[in-house]
Amino acid sequence: MTQSSMAYRANQAYRGAAVTVSPLKAVIMLLNGATMYLQKSLQAQDARRFEEGHEHLTRATAILRGLSHHLDSVRGGAVAEKLFRTYNSLILACLRSYGRPHMRENFSRIIASIAELREAWEAVDAASRSGRPPGDSAGRR
């Protein structure tokens, strides 16, 4: 599958998820998907199934690319720009790490970074449902 067809599929997945779930839930689901594909890429690499590992890597980076291209820089301002740079840094880190001697350690750091992003989006989602700003505890005055 070519890069453009993978990007198209990531775009379609994002649009499909956005129709059936809230945008915040879609972002969380997509970040979970990127993590899953990176873990599958590691497993395939360990099993010496290099083509399969590369396919999983391509899917993970396509998800991250889709997320970066759907940011609204007008409404999101500096936060959207920072997220764009973050997503693209993660993509580059994945591509530079794949097949290298320290791939496992690098992918572990990348997965941890994605998990941190996902947790931040989960906090935003929870706050939006409760009506409180993220990080505000219920009993605070």
Protein backbone atom coordinates (compact mmCIF):
# COMPACT_ATOMS: atom_id res chain seq x y z
CA MET A 1 0.00 0.00 0.00
CA THR A 2 1.39 3.42 -0.93
CA GLN A 3 1.86 6.32 1.46
CA SER A 4 -0.90 8.30 -0.24
CA SER A 5 -3.38 5.43 0.06
CA MET A 6 -2.44 4.99 3.73
CA ALA A 7 -2.94 8.71 4.31
CA TYR A 8 -6.29 8.48 2.52
CA ARG A 9 -7.34 5.55 4.72
CA ALA A 10 -6.25 7.41 7.88
CA ASN A 11 -8.24 10.43 6.73
CA GLN A 12 -11.30 8.26 6.07
CA ALA A 13 -10.93 6.56 9.47
CA TYR A 14 -10.77 9.94 11.18
CA ARG A 15 -13.83 11.21 9.31
CA GLY A 16 -15.75 8.01 10.02
CA ALA A 17 -14.93 8.16 13.70
CA ALA A 18 -15.86 11.85 13.85
CA VAL A 19 -19.35 11.04 12.56
CA THR A 20 -20.09 8.31 15.10
CA VAL A 21 -18.34 9.60 18.23
CA SER A 22 -17.38 12.99 19.61
CA PRO A 23 -14.20 14.54 18.20
CA LEU A 24 -12.44 14.09 21.56
CA LYS A 25 -13.36 10.40 21.70
CA ALA A 26 -12.20 10.00 18.09
CA VAL A 27 -8.79 11.49 18.92
CA ILE A 28 -8.47 9.17 21.93
CA MET A 29 -9.44 6.15 19.82
CA LEU A 30 -6.98 7.10 17.09
CA LEU A 31 -4.14 7.54 19.59
CA ASN A 32 -4.98 4.09 20.97
CA GLY A 33 -4.81 2.75 17.42
CA ALA A 34 -1.40 4.34 16.80
CA THR A 35 -0.10 2.75 20.00
CA MET A 36 -1.52 -0.63 19.04
CA TYR A 37 0.13 -0.51 15.60
CA LEU A 38 3.49 0.48 17.08
CA GLN A 39 3.29 -2.46 19.51
CA LYS A 40 2.38 -4.79 16.62
CA SER A 41 5.31 -3.40 14.65
CA LEU A 42 7.65 -4.28 17.52
CA GLN A 43 6.21 -7.77 17.77
CA ALA A 44 6.57 -8.37 14.04
CA GLN A 45 10.13 -7.04 14.08
CA ASP A 46 10.99 -9.40 16.96
CA ALA A 47 9.53 -12.30 14.96
CA ARG A 48 11.61 -11.19 11.94
CA ARG A 49 8.46 -10.46 9.91
CA PHE A 50 9.90 -7.22 8.60
CA GLU A 51 7.33 -6.47 5.90
CA GLU A 52 4.48 -6.89 8.39
CA GLY A 53 6.32 -4.73 10.92
CA HIS A 54 6.78 -1.99 8.35
CA GLU A 55 3.09 -2.16 7.44
CA HIS A 56 2.12 -1.66 11.10
CA LEU A 57 4.58 1.22 11.38
CA THR A 58 3.04 2.81 8.28
CA ARG A 59 -0.43 2.52 9.78
CA ALA A 60 0.69 4.10 13.06
CA THR A 61 2.35 7.02 11.29
CA ALA A 62 -0.67 7.46 8.99
CA ILE A 63 -2.88 7.86 12.07
CA LEU A 64 -0.53 10.46 13.54
CA ARG A 65 -0.36 12.23 10.18
CA GLY A 66 -4.15 12.25 9.95
CA LEU A 67 -4.38 13.76 13.42
CA SER A 68 -1.82 16.45 12.56
CA HIS A 69 -3.61 17.40 9.35
CA HIS A 70 -7.02 17.76 11.01
CA LEU A 71 -5.94 20.38 13.53
CA ASP A 72 -7.74 23.71 13.25
CA SER A 73 -4.98 26.31 13.51
CA VAL A 74 -7.49 29.16 13.41
CA ARG A 75 -9.47 27.97 16.44
CA GLY A 76 -6.58 26.15 18.13
CA GLY A 77 -3.92 28.82 17.74
CA ALA A 78 -0.66 28.08 19.54
CA VAL A 79 -1.99 24.80 20.97
CA ALA A 80 -2.80 23.49 17.49
CA GLU A 81 0.66 24.50 16.28
CA LYS A 82 2.31 22.74 19.22
CA LEU A 83 0.23 19.60 18.60
CA PHE A 84 1.15 19.71 14.90
CA ARG A 85 4.86 19.81 15.79
CA THR A 86 4.37 17.07 18.40
CA TYR A 87 2.57 14.71 16.02
CA ASN A 88 5.18 15.28 13.33
CA SER A 89 8.04 14.77 15.80
CA LEU A 90 6.48 11.45 16.80
CA ILE A 91 6.20 10.43 13.14
CA LEU A 92 9.86 11.27 12.49
CA ALA A 93 10.95 9.46 15.65
CA CYS A 94 9.06 6.34 14.53
CA LEU A 95 10.56 6.40 11.06
CA ARG A 96 14.08 7.03 12.33
CA SER A 97 13.84 4.26 14.92
CA TYR A 98 12.39 1.48 12.80
CA GLY A 99 14.88 -1.31 12.14
CA ARG A 100 17.59 0.31 14.25
CA PRO A 101 19.44 -1.35 17.13
CA HIS A 102 17.59 0.65 19.81
CA MET A 103 14.17 0.42 18.19
CA ARG A 104 12.51 -1.19 21.22
CA GLU A 105 13.69 1.53 23.62
CA ASN A 106 12.81 4.31 21.18
CA PHE A 107 9.37 2.87 20.46
CA SER A 108 8.78 2.56 24.22
CA ARG A 109 9.46 6.28 24.60
CA ILE A 110 7.26 7.10 21.60
CA ILE A 111 4.43 4.95 22.97
CA ALA A 112 4.80 6.65 26.37
CA SER A 113 4.55 10.05 24.67
CA ILE A 114 1.42 8.99 22.82
CA ALA A 115 -0.04 7.67 26.10
CA GLU A 116 0.65 11.05 27.71
CA LEU A 117 -1.15 12.80 24.86
CA ARG A 118 -4.07 10.38 25.13
CA GLU A 119 -4.33 11.00 28.89
CA ALA A 120 -4.39 14.74 28.29
CA TRP A 121 -7.21 14.35 25.74
CA GLU A 122 -9.06 12.07 28.18
CA ALA A 123 -8.81 14.81 30.84
CA VAL A 124 -10.15 17.38 28.37
CA ASP A 125 -12.99 15.00 27.46
CA ALA A 126 -13.87 14.35 31.11
CA ALA A 127 -13.77 18.08 31.88
CA SER A 128 -15.97 18.92 28.91
CA ARG A 129 -18.58 16.43 30.10
CA SER A 130 -18.47 17.70 33.69
CA GLY A 131 -18.39 21.40 32.83
CA ARG A 132 -15.19 21.95 34.84
CA PRO A 133 -11.83 23.00 33.41
CA PRO A 134 -9.23 20.18 33.08
CA GLY A 135 -7.37 19.60 36.33
CA ASP A 136 -10.09 21.15 38.49
CA SER A 137 -11.15 18.81 41.27
CA ALA A 138 -14.80 18.57 42.28
CA GLY A 139 -14.33 19.78 45.84
CA ARG A 140 -12.06 22.76 45.12
CA ARG A 141 -13.15 26.26 46.04
